[in-house]
Amino acid sequence: QGAVTAWDVPAYLVPSPARVAATLWADRALLADSLRVTAGIALTALAIAIVAGVATALLFAQSRVIEASLFPYAILLQVTPIVAIAPLIIIWVQDTRVALVLCAVVVAIFPIVSDTTLGLRSVDPRLIDLFRMNRATRFQLLWRLRIPSALPYFFGGLRIASGLALIGAVVAQIVAGTGGQGAGLAYQILMAGIQLNIPRLFAALVLITLAGVAFYSVALLLSRLALGHWHES
């Protein structure tokens, strides 16, 4: 605030924090609706990534052959830029919202799969031997030993995936360029840049940042509630 005021920086280059705050208040209805759209897409994608990622990790934990066969495809999805995949998904899927959610799922699912798989594999062999000595079934070994042991890894992946889901939603919206009543924050950023309405652009960025912090904080809170009373992490 002091630098912008002292050097008289134009608002179309760098708006002052006070100007951004004023824009947040003046455009609160528009930005709040856009935030709801973007957050809704990100949360839906995160929920799908959790279900699909955990199911995939459980499948990998049952067979190293299946893991060796399918895990490379998960890596390929992770290393391929979403800006290259998003246009194809948007073309192939007729429903724009479904396409945006799928784009965000592609970005968010890998940490869930990789971390949960690692957790399911990282079980003390002595505990496995103890369970087998007591004639535990395959399901009991999974439910009572592997899954509890994997929870710290899962929540570590969840904290990463929560931010990636938001990033995927924003990138997909930018690629799609969806406007109108269902426009998200990414569209507001695009339009603000075209119109040189830089204070609104910064205001939208602030909301995206706050949403990302909120997602991470909720994931951290869930981790503490699930692990706080028994795990050293």
Protein backbone atom coordinates (compact mmCIF):
# COMPACT_ATOMS: atom_id res chain seq x y z
CA GLN A 1 0.00 0.00 0.00
CA GLY A 2 2.83 2.36 0.90
CA ALA A 3 4.80 1.62 -2.25
CA VAL A 4 1.82 2.12 -4.57
CA THR A 5 0.94 5.38 -2.84
CA ALA A 6 4.51 6.73 -2.69
CA TRP A 7 5.34 5.95 -6.31
CA ASP A 8 1.87 6.79 -7.62
CA VAL A 9 1.55 3.46 -9.45
CA PRO A 10 -1.46 3.42 -11.81
CA ALA A 11 -4.25 1.05 -10.83
CA TYR A 12 -4.14 -0.60 -14.26
CA LEU A 13 -0.62 -1.81 -13.43
CA VAL A 14 -0.76 -2.67 -9.73
CA PRO A 15 -3.84 -1.67 -7.71
CA SER A 16 -3.33 -0.89 -4.05
CA PRO A 17 -4.65 -3.32 -1.42
CA ALA A 18 -7.21 -0.70 -0.45
CA ARG A 19 -8.39 -0.49 -4.06
CA VAL A 20 -8.63 -4.28 -4.27
CA ALA A 21 -10.62 -4.39 -1.03
CA ALA A 22 -12.97 -1.71 -2.36
CA THR A 23 -13.42 -3.71 -5.57
CA LEU A 24 -14.17 -6.85 -3.56
CA TRP A 25 -16.95 -4.98 -1.79
CA ALA A 26 -18.31 -3.19 -4.87
CA ASP A 27 -18.36 -6.37 -7.00
CA ARG A 28 -19.22 -8.74 -4.15
CA ALA A 29 -22.35 -10.14 -5.78
CA LEU A 30 -20.65 -10.91 -9.10
CA LEU A 31 -17.50 -12.31 -7.50
CA ALA A 32 -19.42 -14.34 -4.90
CA ASP A 33 -21.47 -16.06 -7.63
CA SER A 34 -18.30 -16.79 -9.60
CA LEU A 35 -16.59 -18.12 -6.48
CA ARG A 36 -19.52 -20.46 -5.85
CA VAL A 37 -19.21 -21.87 -9.37
CA THR A 38 -15.45 -22.42 -9.15
CA ALA A 39 -15.56 -23.83 -5.62
CA GLY A 40 -18.43 -26.12 -6.56
CA ILE A 41 -16.48 -27.56 -9.49
CA ALA A 42 -13.35 -27.97 -7.34
CA LEU A 43 -15.21 -29.68 -4.47
CA THR A 44 -17.04 -32.03 -6.83
CA ALA A 45 -13.77 -32.93 -8.52
CA LEU A 46 -12.06 -33.45 -5.16
CA ALA A 47 -14.84 -35.78 -3.98
CA ILE A 48 -14.61 -37.83 -7.18
CA ALA A 49 -10.81 -37.89 -6.94
CA ILE A 50 -11.01 -39.18 -3.35
CA VAL A 51 -13.44 -41.99 -4.19
CA ALA A 52 -11.72 -43.01 -7.43
CA GLY A 53 -8.21 -42.54 -6.02
CA VAL A 54 -8.82 -44.60 -2.88
CA ALA A 55 -10.55 -47.34 -4.88
CA THR A 56 -7.62 -47.45 -7.29
CA ALA A 57 -5.10 -47.55 -4.44
CA LEU A 58 -6.99 -50.41 -2.78
CA LEU A 59 -6.92 -52.28 -6.09
CA PHE A 60 -3.16 -51.67 -6.42
CA ALA A 61 -2.59 -52.92 -2.86
CA GLN A 62 -4.21 -56.26 -3.66
CA SER A 63 -1.91 -57.10 -6.56
CA ARG A 64 1.51 -55.83 -7.58
CA VAL A 65 0.81 -57.06 -11.11
CA ILE A 66 -2.22 -54.75 -11.37
CA GLU A 67 -0.21 -51.89 -9.86
CA ALA A 68 2.67 -52.40 -12.29
CA SER A 69 0.20 -52.57 -15.20
CA LEU A 70 -1.93 -49.51 -14.41
CA PHE A 71 0.23 -47.14 -12.34
CA PRO A 72 2.21 -45.92 -15.40
CA TYR A 73 -1.05 -44.59 -16.86
CA ALA A 74 -1.64 -42.58 -13.69
CA ILE A 75 1.85 -41.14 -14.06
CA LEU A 76 1.16 -40.25 -17.70
CA LEU A 77 -1.97 -38.35 -16.67
CA GLN A 78 0.00 -36.50 -14.00
CA VAL A 79 2.89 -35.39 -16.20
CA THR A 80 0.74 -34.38 -19.18
CA PRO A 81 -0.14 -30.65 -18.90
CA ILE A 82 -3.81 -30.11 -18.16
CA VAL A 83 -3.88 -27.26 -20.70
CA ALA A 84 -3.19 -29.90 -23.37
CA ILE A 85 -5.87 -32.32 -22.13
CA ALA A 86 -8.60 -29.83 -21.25
CA PRO A 87 -9.53 -28.80 -24.84
CA LEU A 88 -9.98 -32.48 -25.79
CA ILE A 89 -12.15 -33.23 -22.77
CA ILE A 90 -14.26 -30.13 -23.43
CA ILE A 91 -14.73 -31.23 -27.07
CA TRP A 92 -15.56 -34.84 -26.18
CA VAL A 93 -17.93 -34.13 -23.28
CA GLN A 94 -21.05 -32.21 -24.25
CA ASP A 95 -21.92 -30.97 -20.76
CA THR A 96 -19.47 -28.15 -20.00
CA ARG A 97 -19.70 -28.48 -16.22
CA VAL A 98 -19.00 -32.23 -16.41
CA ALA A 99 -16.01 -31.51 -18.65
CA LEU A 100 -14.65 -28.95 -16.18
CA VAL A 101 -15.06 -31.38 -13.29
CA LEU A 102 -13.25 -34.13 -15.24
CA CYS A 103 -10.35 -31.77 -15.96
CA ALA A 104 -10.02 -30.98 -12.26
CA VAL A 105 -10.24 -34.69 -11.38
CA VAL A 106 -7.35 -35.47 -13.73
CA VAL A 107 -5.19 -32.91 -11.89
CA ALA A 108 -6.24 -33.89 -8.35
CA ILE A 109 -6.37 -37.68 -8.43
CA PHE A 110 -2.69 -38.57 -8.64
CA PRO A 111 -1.64 -37.52 -5.10
CA ILE A 112 -4.53 -39.53 -3.68
CA VAL A 113 -3.58 -42.63 -5.67
CA SER A 114 0.17 -42.45 -5.10
CA ASP A 115 0.13 -41.52 -1.40
CA THR A 116 -2.63 -43.97 -0.46
CA THR A 117 -0.92 -46.78 -2.37
CA LEU A 118 2.34 -45.99 -0.59
CA GLY A 119 0.53 -46.03 2.76
CA LEU A 120 -1.15 -49.37 2.06
CA ARG A 121 2.24 -50.82 1.16
CA SER A 122 4.13 -49.25 4.10
CA VAL A 123 2.93 -51.61 6.82
CA ASP A 124 5.28 -53.07 9.41
CA PRO A 125 6.00 -56.66 8.22
CA ARG A 126 6.01 -57.84 11.84
CA LEU A 127 2.43 -56.67 12.24
CA ILE A 128 1.46 -58.50 9.06
CA ASP A 129 3.06 -61.65 10.45
CA LEU A 130 1.18 -61.17 13.73
CA PHE A 131 -2.14 -60.87 11.91
CA ARG A 132 -1.41 -63.98 9.84
CA MET A 133 -0.40 -65.94 12.95
CA ASN A 134 -3.83 -65.08 14.36
CA ARG A 135 -5.44 -66.33 11.14
CA ALA A 136 -6.70 -62.96 9.99
CA THR A 137 -8.53 -63.01 6.68
CA ARG A 138 -7.45 -60.89 3.73
CA PHE A 139 -10.29 -58.47 4.46
CA GLN A 140 -9.36 -58.21 8.17
CA LEU A 141 -5.75 -57.55 7.23
CA LEU A 142 -6.88 -54.76 4.92
CA TRP A 143 -9.53 -53.22 7.19
CA ARG A 144 -7.77 -53.46 10.55
CA LEU A 145 -4.13 -52.97 9.56
CA ARG A 146 -3.44 -51.64 6.08
CA ILE A 147 -6.13 -48.93 5.97
CA PRO A 148 -5.32 -47.45 9.42
CA SER A 149 -1.62 -47.51 8.51
CA ALA A 150 -2.39 -45.71 5.24
CA LEU A 151 -4.47 -42.91 6.77
CA PRO A 152 -1.53 -40.52 7.41
CA TYR A 153 -0.40 -40.96 3.81
CA PHE A 154 -3.96 -40.49 2.51
CA PHE A 155 -4.41 -37.23 4.38
CA GLY A 156 -1.02 -36.04 3.13
CA GLY A 157 -2.22 -36.65 -0.41
CA LEU A 158 -5.57 -35.05 0.37
CA ARG A 159 -3.91 -31.79 1.43
CA ILE A 160 -2.08 -31.66 -1.89
CA ALA A 161 -5.10 -32.73 -3.94
CA SER A 162 -7.34 -30.09 -2.35
CA GLY A 163 -5.22 -27.33 -3.87
CA LEU A 164 -4.75 -29.14 -7.17
CA ALA A 165 -8.52 -29.56 -7.59
CA LEU A 166 -8.92 -25.79 -7.37
CA ILE A 167 -6.05 -25.24 -9.82
CA GLY A 168 -7.57 -27.76 -12.22
CA ALA A 169 -10.96 -26.07 -12.02
CA VAL A 170 -9.48 -22.63 -12.73
CA VAL A 171 -7.30 -23.84 -15.62
CA ALA A 172 -10.20 -25.74 -17.17
CA GLN A 173 -12.44 -22.66 -16.95
CA ILE A 174 -9.77 -20.56 -18.62
CA VAL A 175 -9.42 -23.08 -21.46
CA ALA A 176 -13.19 -23.43 -21.84
CA GLY A 177 -13.77 -19.68 -21.64
CA THR A 178 -17.26 -20.27 -20.23
CA GLY A 179 -19.16 -17.08 -19.52
CA GLY A 180 -22.68 -16.03 -18.78
CA GLN A 181 -24.59 -16.84 -15.64
CA GLY A 182 -22.45 -19.88 -14.78
CA ALA A 183 -19.12 -18.10 -15.18
CA GLY A 184 -16.44 -18.88 -12.63
CA LEU A 185 -13.62 -16.79 -11.24
CA ALA A 186 -11.34 -17.77 -14.12
CA TYR A 187 -13.72 -16.12 -16.57
CA GLN A 188 -13.81 -12.99 -14.42
CA ILE A 189 -10.00 -12.91 -14.50
CA LEU A 190 -9.99 -13.26 -18.30
CA MET A 191 -12.57 -10.52 -18.80
CA ALA A 192 -10.91 -8.21 -16.28
CA GLY A 193 -7.62 -8.59 -18.13
CA ILE A 194 -9.23 -7.85 -21.50
CA GLN A 195 -11.02 -4.80 -20.08
CA LEU A 196 -7.91 -3.67 -18.14
CA ASN A 197 -10.00 -3.84 -14.96
CA ILE A 198 -6.95 -4.87 -12.96
CA PRO A 199 -8.48 -4.23 -9.51
CA ARG A 200 -11.20 -6.81 -10.27
CA LEU A 201 -8.55 -9.19 -11.59
CA PHE A 202 -6.64 -8.90 -8.31
CA ALA A 203 -9.88 -9.26 -6.35
CA ALA A 204 -10.64 -12.52 -8.15
CA LEU A 205 -7.10 -13.74 -7.47
CA VAL A 206 -7.53 -12.94 -3.77
CA LEU A 207 -10.72 -15.01 -3.66
CA ILE A 208 -9.05 -17.95 -5.41
CA THR A 209 -6.16 -17.77 -2.93
CA LEU A 210 -8.52 -17.63 0.05
CA ALA A 211 -10.48 -20.57 -1.35
CA GLY A 212 -7.26 -22.57 -1.68
CA VAL A 213 -6.28 -21.77 1.89
CA ALA A 214 -9.75 -22.78 3.07
CA PHE A 215 -9.56 -26.11 1.21
CA TYR A 216 -6.15 -26.86 2.71
CA SER A 217 -7.29 -25.87 6.20
CA VAL A 218 -10.31 -28.17 6.04
CA ALA A 219 -8.11 -31.05 4.87
CA LEU A 220 -5.68 -30.33 7.71
CA LEU A 221 -8.54 -30.22 10.23
CA LEU A 222 -9.89 -33.56 8.99
CA SER A 223 -6.40 -35.01 9.30
CA ARG A 224 -6.09 -33.86 12.90
CA LEU A 225 -9.54 -35.16 13.80
CA ALA A 226 -8.77 -38.56 12.30
CA LEU A 227 -5.17 -38.94 13.48
CA GLY A 228 -4.70 -36.59 16.42
CA HIS A 229 -5.50 -39.05 19.19
CA TRP A 230 -3.29 -41.94 18.01
CA HIS A 231 -0.71 -40.99 15.36
CA GLU A 232 2.47 -39.00 15.99
CA SER A 233 2.06 -36.94 12.80
